[in-house]
Amino acid sequence: MPDSSAHADPRPQPPSPPAPGDCCDSGCPLCVHDVYHDELARYLHALAQWRLRHPEAVADG
């Protein structure tokens, strides 16, 4: 049986948003804001999956 304790399965951490000066506003094909949006979507998916494995954490907030 897998160990699903918080120590063995830590809560995902959100990505750091880009700093105000990270975007050069020149229309890059892969802007730092696009990268952040993709990382945020992956984080939210991982967090939802983690909450399914740790229903007690949802009750704690």
PDB file of N, CA and C in Angstrom:
ATOM      1  N   MET A   1       0.846  -1.180   0.000  1.00  0.00           N
ATOM      2  CA  MET A   1       0.000   0.000   0.000  1.00  0.00           C
ATOM      3  C   MET A   1       0.888   1.239   0.000  1.00  0.00           C
ATOM      4  N   PRO A   2       0.685   2.180  -0.908  1.00  0.00           N
ATOM      5  CA  PRO A   2       1.557   3.353  -0.977  1.00  0.00           C
ATOM      6  C   PRO A   2       1.381   4.273   0.218  1.00  0.00           C
ATOM      7  N   ASP A   3       2.470   4.890   0.604  1.00  0.00           N
ATOM      8  CA  ASP A   3       2.445   5.856   1.703  1.00  0.00           C
ATOM      9  C   ASP A   3       2.000   7.195   1.142  1.00  0.00           C
ATOM     10  N   SER A   4       0.803   7.651   1.557  1.00  0.00           N
ATOM     11  CA  SER A   4       0.292   8.923   1.040  1.00  0.00           C
ATOM     12  C   SER A   4       0.375  10.022   2.085  1.00  0.00           C
ATOM     13  N   SER A   5       1.280   9.868   3.044  1.00  0.00           N
ATOM     14  CA  SER A   5       1.433  10.909   4.056  1.00  0.00           C
ATOM     15  C   SER A   5       1.958  12.183   3.412  1.00  0.00           C
ATOM     16  N   ALA A   6       1.739  13.294   4.093  1.00  0.00           N
ATOM     17  CA  ALA A   6       2.170  14.587   3.563  1.00  0.00           C
ATOM     18  C   ALA A   6       3.678  14.616   3.346  1.00  0.00           C
ATOM     19  N   HIS A   7       4.425  13.870   4.167  1.00  0.00           N
ATOM     20  CA  HIS A   7       5.882  13.863   4.018  1.00  0.00           C
ATOM     21  C   HIS A   7       6.290  13.160   2.722  1.00  0.00           C
ATOM     22  N   ALA A   8       5.634  12.054   2.417  1.00  0.00           N
ATOM     23  CA  ALA A   8       5.967  11.297   1.211  1.00  0.00           C
ATOM     24  C   ALA A   8       5.332  11.903  -0.034  1.00  0.00           C
ATOM     25  N   ASP A   9       4.303  12.712   0.153  1.00  0.00           N
ATOM     26  CA  ASP A   9       3.563  13.295  -0.969  1.00  0.00           C
ATOM     27  C   ASP A   9       3.282  14.765  -0.634  1.00  0.00           C
ATOM     28  N   PRO A  10       4.295  15.615  -0.704  1.00  0.00           N
ATOM     29  CA  PRO A  10       4.102  17.015  -0.291  1.00  0.00           C
ATOM     30  C   PRO A  10       3.140  17.768  -1.200  1.00  0.00           C
ATOM     31  N   ARG A  11       2.494  18.766  -0.625  1.00  0.00           N
ATOM     32  CA  ARG A  11       1.569  19.613  -1.378  1.00  0.00           C
ATOM     33  C   ARG A  11       2.348  20.359  -2.468  1.00  0.00           C
ATOM     34  N   PRO A  12       1.827  20.383  -3.688  1.00  0.00           N
ATOM     35  CA  PRO A  12       2.503  21.133  -4.755  1.00  0.00           C
ATOM     36  C   PRO A  12       2.622  22.616  -4.399  1.00  0.00           C
ATOM     37  N   GLN A  13       3.680  23.216  -4.832  1.00  0.00           N
ATOM     38  CA  GLN A  13       3.908  24.639  -4.579  1.00  0.00           C
ATOM     39  C   GLN A  13       3.629  25.433  -5.852  1.00  0.00           C
ATOM     40  N   PRO A  14       2.991  26.600  -5.698  1.00  0.00           N
ATOM     41  CA  PRO A  14       2.675  27.399  -6.888  1.00  0.00           C
ATOM     42  C   PRO A  14       3.936  27.979  -7.522  1.00  0.00           C
ATOM     43  N   PRO A  15       3.880  28.216  -8.811  1.00  0.00           N
ATOM     44  CA  PRO A  15       5.034  28.841  -9.470  1.00  0.00           C
ATOM     45  C   PRO A  15       5.133  30.306  -9.067  1.00  0.00           C
ATOM     46  N   SER A  16       6.318  30.833  -9.140  1.00  0.00           N
ATOM     47  CA  SER A  16       6.514  32.260  -8.867  1.00  0.00           C
ATOM     48  C   SER A  16       6.093  33.056 -10.090  1.00  0.00           C
ATOM     49  N   PRO A  17       5.288  34.099  -9.880  1.00  0.00           N
ATOM     50  CA  PRO A  17       4.901  34.920 -11.035  1.00  0.00           C
ATOM     51  C   PRO A  17       6.093  35.708 -11.555  1.00  0.00           C
ATOM     52  N   PRO A  18       6.059  36.095 -12.806  1.00  0.00           N
ATOM     53  CA  PRO A  18       7.159  36.894 -13.339  1.00  0.00           C
ATOM     54  C   PRO A  18       7.224  38.244 -12.625  1.00  0.00           C
ATOM     55  N   ALA A  19       8.419  38.719 -12.445  1.00  0.00           N
ATOM     56  CA  ALA A  19       8.609  40.048 -11.853  1.00  0.00           C
ATOM     57  C   ALA A  19       8.170  41.098 -12.871  1.00  0.00           C
ATOM     58  N   PRO A  20       7.800  42.284 -12.405  1.00  0.00           N
ATOM     59  CA  PRO A  20       7.333  43.325 -13.330  1.00  0.00           C
ATOM     60  C   PRO A  20       8.282  43.600 -14.498  1.00  0.00           C
ATOM     61  N   GLY A  21       9.571  43.510 -14.292  1.00  0.00           N
ATOM     62  CA  GLY A  21      10.527  43.800 -15.353  1.00  0.00           C
ATOM     63  C   GLY A  21      10.923  42.607 -16.201  1.00  0.00           C
ATOM     64  N   ASP A  22      10.343  41.429 -15.933  1.00  0.00           N
ATOM     65  CA  ASP A  22      10.729  40.232 -16.684  1.00  0.00           C
ATOM     66  C   ASP A  22      10.231  40.238 -18.125  1.00  0.00           C
ATOM     67  N   CYS A  23       9.102  40.888 -18.383  1.00  0.00           N
ATOM     68  CA  CYS A  23       8.552  40.939 -19.736  1.00  0.00           C
ATOM     69  C   CYS A  23       9.115  42.159 -20.456  1.00  0.00           C
ATOM     70  N   CYS A  24       9.591  41.936 -21.675  1.00  0.00           N
ATOM     71  CA  CYS A  24      10.186  43.040 -22.436  1.00  0.00           C
ATOM     72  C   CYS A  24       9.161  43.760 -23.309  1.00  0.00           C
ATOM     73  N   ASP A  25       7.912  43.271 -23.323  1.00  0.00           N
ATOM     74  CA  ASP A  25       6.825  43.881 -24.101  1.00  0.00           C
ATOM     75  C   ASP A  25       7.136  43.993 -25.593  1.00  0.00           C
ATOM     76  N   SER A  26       7.914  43.042 -26.118  1.00  0.00           N
ATOM     77  CA  SER A  26       8.232  43.096 -27.548  1.00  0.00           C
ATOM     78  C   SER A  26       7.520  42.008 -28.342  1.00  0.00           C
ATOM     79  N   GLY A  27       6.572  41.315 -27.710  1.00  0.00           N
ATOM     80  CA  GLY A  27       5.806  40.300 -28.427  1.00  0.00           C
ATOM     81  C   GLY A  27       6.565  39.012 -28.679  1.00  0.00           C
ATOM     82  N   CYS A  28       7.387  38.612 -27.760  1.00  0.00           N
ATOM     83  CA  CYS A  28       8.150  37.367 -27.915  1.00  0.00           C
ATOM     84  C   CYS A  28       7.206  36.195 -28.178  1.00  0.00           C
ATOM     85  N   PRO A  29       7.630  35.243 -29.004  1.00  0.00           N
ATOM     86  CA  PRO A  29       6.782  34.082 -29.277  1.00  0.00           C
ATOM     87  C   PRO A  29       6.485  33.269 -28.014  1.00  0.00           C
ATOM     88  N   LEU A  30       7.394  33.279 -27.073  1.00  0.00           N
ATOM     89  CA  LEU A  30       7.202  32.576 -25.808  1.00  0.00           C
ATOM     90  C   LEU A  30       7.484  33.568 -24.681  1.00  0.00           C
ATOM     91  N   CYS A  31       6.473  34.339 -24.333  1.00  0.00           N
ATOM     92  CA  CYS A  31       6.598  35.377 -23.311  1.00  0.00           C
ATOM     93  C   CYS A  31       6.671  34.746 -21.919  1.00  0.00           C
ATOM     94  N   VAL A  32       7.319  35.434 -20.992  1.00  0.00           N
ATOM     95  CA  VAL A  32       7.386  34.943 -19.615  1.00  0.00           C
ATOM     96  C   VAL A  32       5.987  34.774 -19.033  1.00  0.00           C
ATOM     97  N   HIS A  33       5.042  35.581 -19.481  1.00  0.00           N
ATOM     98  CA  HIS A  33       3.666  35.452 -18.990  1.00  0.00           C
ATOM     99  C   HIS A  33       3.014  34.179 -19.530  1.00  0.00           C
ATOM    100  N   ASP A  34       3.344  33.789 -20.754  1.00  0.00           N
ATOM    101  CA  ASP A  34       2.849  32.526 -21.310  1.00  0.00           C
ATOM    102  C   ASP A  34       3.413  31.342 -20.527  1.00  0.00           C
ATOM    103  N   VAL A  35       4.695  31.405 -20.237  1.00  0.00           N
ATOM    104  CA  VAL A  35       5.348  30.340 -19.475  1.00  0.00           C
ATOM    105  C   VAL A  35       4.707  30.240 -18.095  1.00  0.00           C
ATOM    106  N   TYR A  36       4.497  31.380 -17.444  1.00  0.00           N
ATOM    107  CA  TYR A  36       3.874  31.388 -16.120  1.00  0.00           C
ATOM    108  C   TYR A  36       2.462  30.802 -16.187  1.00  0.00           C
ATOM    109  N   HIS A  37       1.697  31.185 -17.194  1.00  0.00           N
ATOM    110  CA  HIS A  37       0.335  30.670 -17.340  1.00  0.00           C
ATOM    111  C   HIS A  37       0.352  29.146 -17.476  1.00  0.00           C
ATOM    112  N   ASP A  38       1.270  28.613 -18.262  1.00  0.00           N
ATOM    113  CA  ASP A  38       1.389  27.162 -18.427  1.00  0.00           C
ATOM    114  C   ASP A  38       1.788  26.489 -17.115  1.00  0.00           C
ATOM    115  N   GLU A  39       2.747  27.086 -16.399  1.00  0.00           N
ATOM    116  CA  GLU A  39       3.177  26.535 -15.114  1.00  0.00           C
ATOM    117  C   GLU A  39       2.041  26.579 -14.098  1.00  0.00           C
ATOM    118  N   LEU A  40       1.261  27.658 -14.116  1.00  0.00           N
ATOM    119  CA  LEU A  40       0.137  27.793 -13.201  1.00  0.00           C
ATOM    120  C   LEU A  40      -0.926  26.733 -13.492  1.00  0.00           C
ATOM    121  N   ALA A  41      -1.201  26.474 -14.753  1.00  0.00           N
ATOM    122  CA  ALA A  41      -2.170  25.437 -15.121  1.00  0.00           C
ATOM    123  C   ALA A  41      -1.693  24.065 -14.643  1.00  0.00           C
ATOM    124  N   ARG A  42      -0.402  23.771 -14.820  1.00  0.00           N
ATOM    125  CA  ARG A  42       0.145  22.492 -14.344  1.00  0.00           C
ATOM    126  C   ARG A  42       0.051  22.401 -12.824  1.00  0.00           C
ATOM    127  N   TYR A  43       0.354  23.510 -12.138  1.00  0.00           N
ATOM    128  CA  TYR A  43       0.265  23.537 -10.677  1.00  0.00           C
ATOM    129  C   TYR A  43      -1.167  23.273 -10.214  1.00  0.00           C
ATOM    130  N   LEU A  44      -2.147  23.947 -10.824  1.00  0.00           N
ATOM    131  CA  LEU A  44      -3.539  23.780 -10.412  1.00  0.00           C
ATOM    132  C   LEU A  44      -4.009  22.346 -10.639  1.00  0.00           C
ATOM    133  N   HIS A  45      -3.569  21.733 -11.726  1.00  0.00           N
ATOM    134  CA  HIS A  45      -3.904  20.333 -11.980  1.00  0.00           C
ATOM    135  C   HIS A  45      -3.258  19.434 -10.920  1.00  0.00           C
ATOM    136  N   ALA A  46      -1.983  19.661 -10.641  1.00  0.00           N
ATOM    137  CA  ALA A  46      -1.279  18.861  -9.639  1.00  0.00           C
ATOM    138  C   ALA A  46      -1.912  19.046  -8.262  1.00  0.00           C
ATOM    139  N   LEU A  47      -2.328  20.270  -7.943  1.00  0.00           N
ATOM    140  CA  LEU A  47      -2.958  20.536  -6.654  1.00  0.00           C
ATOM    141  C   LEU A  47      -4.298  19.809  -6.549  1.00  0.00           C
ATOM    142  N   ALA A  48      -5.084  19.821  -7.607  1.00  0.00           N
ATOM    143  CA  ALA A  48      -6.366  19.111  -7.595  1.00  0.00           C
ATOM    144  C   ALA A  48      -6.144  17.611  -7.382  1.00  0.00           C
ATOM    145  N   GLN A  49      -5.142  17.044  -8.051  1.00  0.00           N
ATOM    146  CA  GLN A  49      -4.831  15.626  -7.877  1.00  0.00           C
ATOM    147  C   GLN A  49      -4.358  15.345  -6.456  1.00  0.00           C
ATOM    148  N   TRP A  50      -3.528  16.230  -5.915  1.00  0.00           N
ATOM    149  CA  TRP A  50      -3.027  16.072  -4.551  1.00  0.00           C
ATOM    150  C   TRP A  50      -4.179  16.121  -3.553  1.00  0.00           C
ATOM    151  N   ARG A  51      -5.127  17.035  -3.760  1.00  0.00           N
ATOM    152  CA  ARG A  51      -6.279  17.146  -2.852  1.00  0.00           C
ATOM    153  C   ARG A  51      -7.134  15.882  -2.882  1.00  0.00           C
ATOM    154  N   LEU A  52      -7.217  15.225  -4.020  1.00  0.00           N
ATOM    155  CA  LEU A  52      -7.939  13.957  -4.081  1.00  0.00           C
ATOM    156  C   LEU A  52      -7.250  12.899  -3.224  1.00  0.00           C
ATOM    157  N   ARG A  53      -5.928  12.937  -3.185  1.00  0.00           N
ATOM    158  CA  ARG A  53      -5.169  11.977  -2.381  1.00  0.00           C
ATOM    159  C   ARG A  53      -5.143  12.353  -0.911  1.00  0.00           C
ATOM    160  N   HIS A  54      -5.437  13.620  -0.594  1.00  0.00           N
ATOM    161  CA  HIS A  54      -5.374  14.119   0.783  1.00  0.00           C
ATOM    162  C   HIS A  54      -6.655  14.868   1.140  1.00  0.00           C
ATOM    163  N   PRO A  55      -7.780  14.163   1.222  1.00  0.00           N
ATOM    164  CA  PRO A  55      -9.046  14.855   1.516  1.00  0.00           C
ATOM    165  C   PRO A  55      -9.037  15.553   2.869  1.00  0.00           C
ATOM    166  N   GLU A  56      -8.223  15.072   3.796  1.00  0.00           N
ATOM    167  CA  GLU A  56      -8.146  15.718   5.109  1.00  0.00           C
ATOM    168  C   GLU A  56      -7.557  17.120   5.004  1.00  0.00           C
ATOM    169  N   ALA A  57      -6.718  17.361   4.032  1.00  0.00           N
ATOM    170  CA  ALA A  57      -6.101  18.679   3.855  1.00  0.00           C
ATOM    171  C   ALA A  57      -7.110  19.688   3.327  1.00  0.00           C
ATOM    172  N   VAL A  58      -8.084  19.237   2.561  1.00  0.00           N
ATOM    173  CA  VAL A  58      -9.112  20.137   2.035  1.00  0.00           C
ATOM    174  C   VAL A  58      -9.931  20.690   3.184  1.00  0.00           C
ATOM    175  N   ALA A  59     -10.232  19.851   4.174  1.00  0.00           N
ATOM    176  CA  ALA A  59     -11.002  20.294   5.335  1.00  0.00           C
ATOM    177  C   ALA A  59     -10.211  21.287   6.172  1.00  0.00           C
ATOM    178  N   ASP A  60      -8.878  21.159   6.175  1.00  0.00           N
ATOM    179  CA  ASP A  60      -8.023  22.065   6.949  1.00  0.00           C
ATOM    180  C   ASP A  60      -7.820  23.396   6.252  1.00  0.00           C
ATOM    181  N   GLY A  61      -8.157  23.481   4.985  1.00  0.00           N
ATOM    182  CA  GLY A  61      -7.986  24.736   4.247  1.00  0.00           C
ATOM    183  C   GLY A  61      -6.822  24.673   3.409  1.00  0.00           C
TER     184      GLY A  61
END
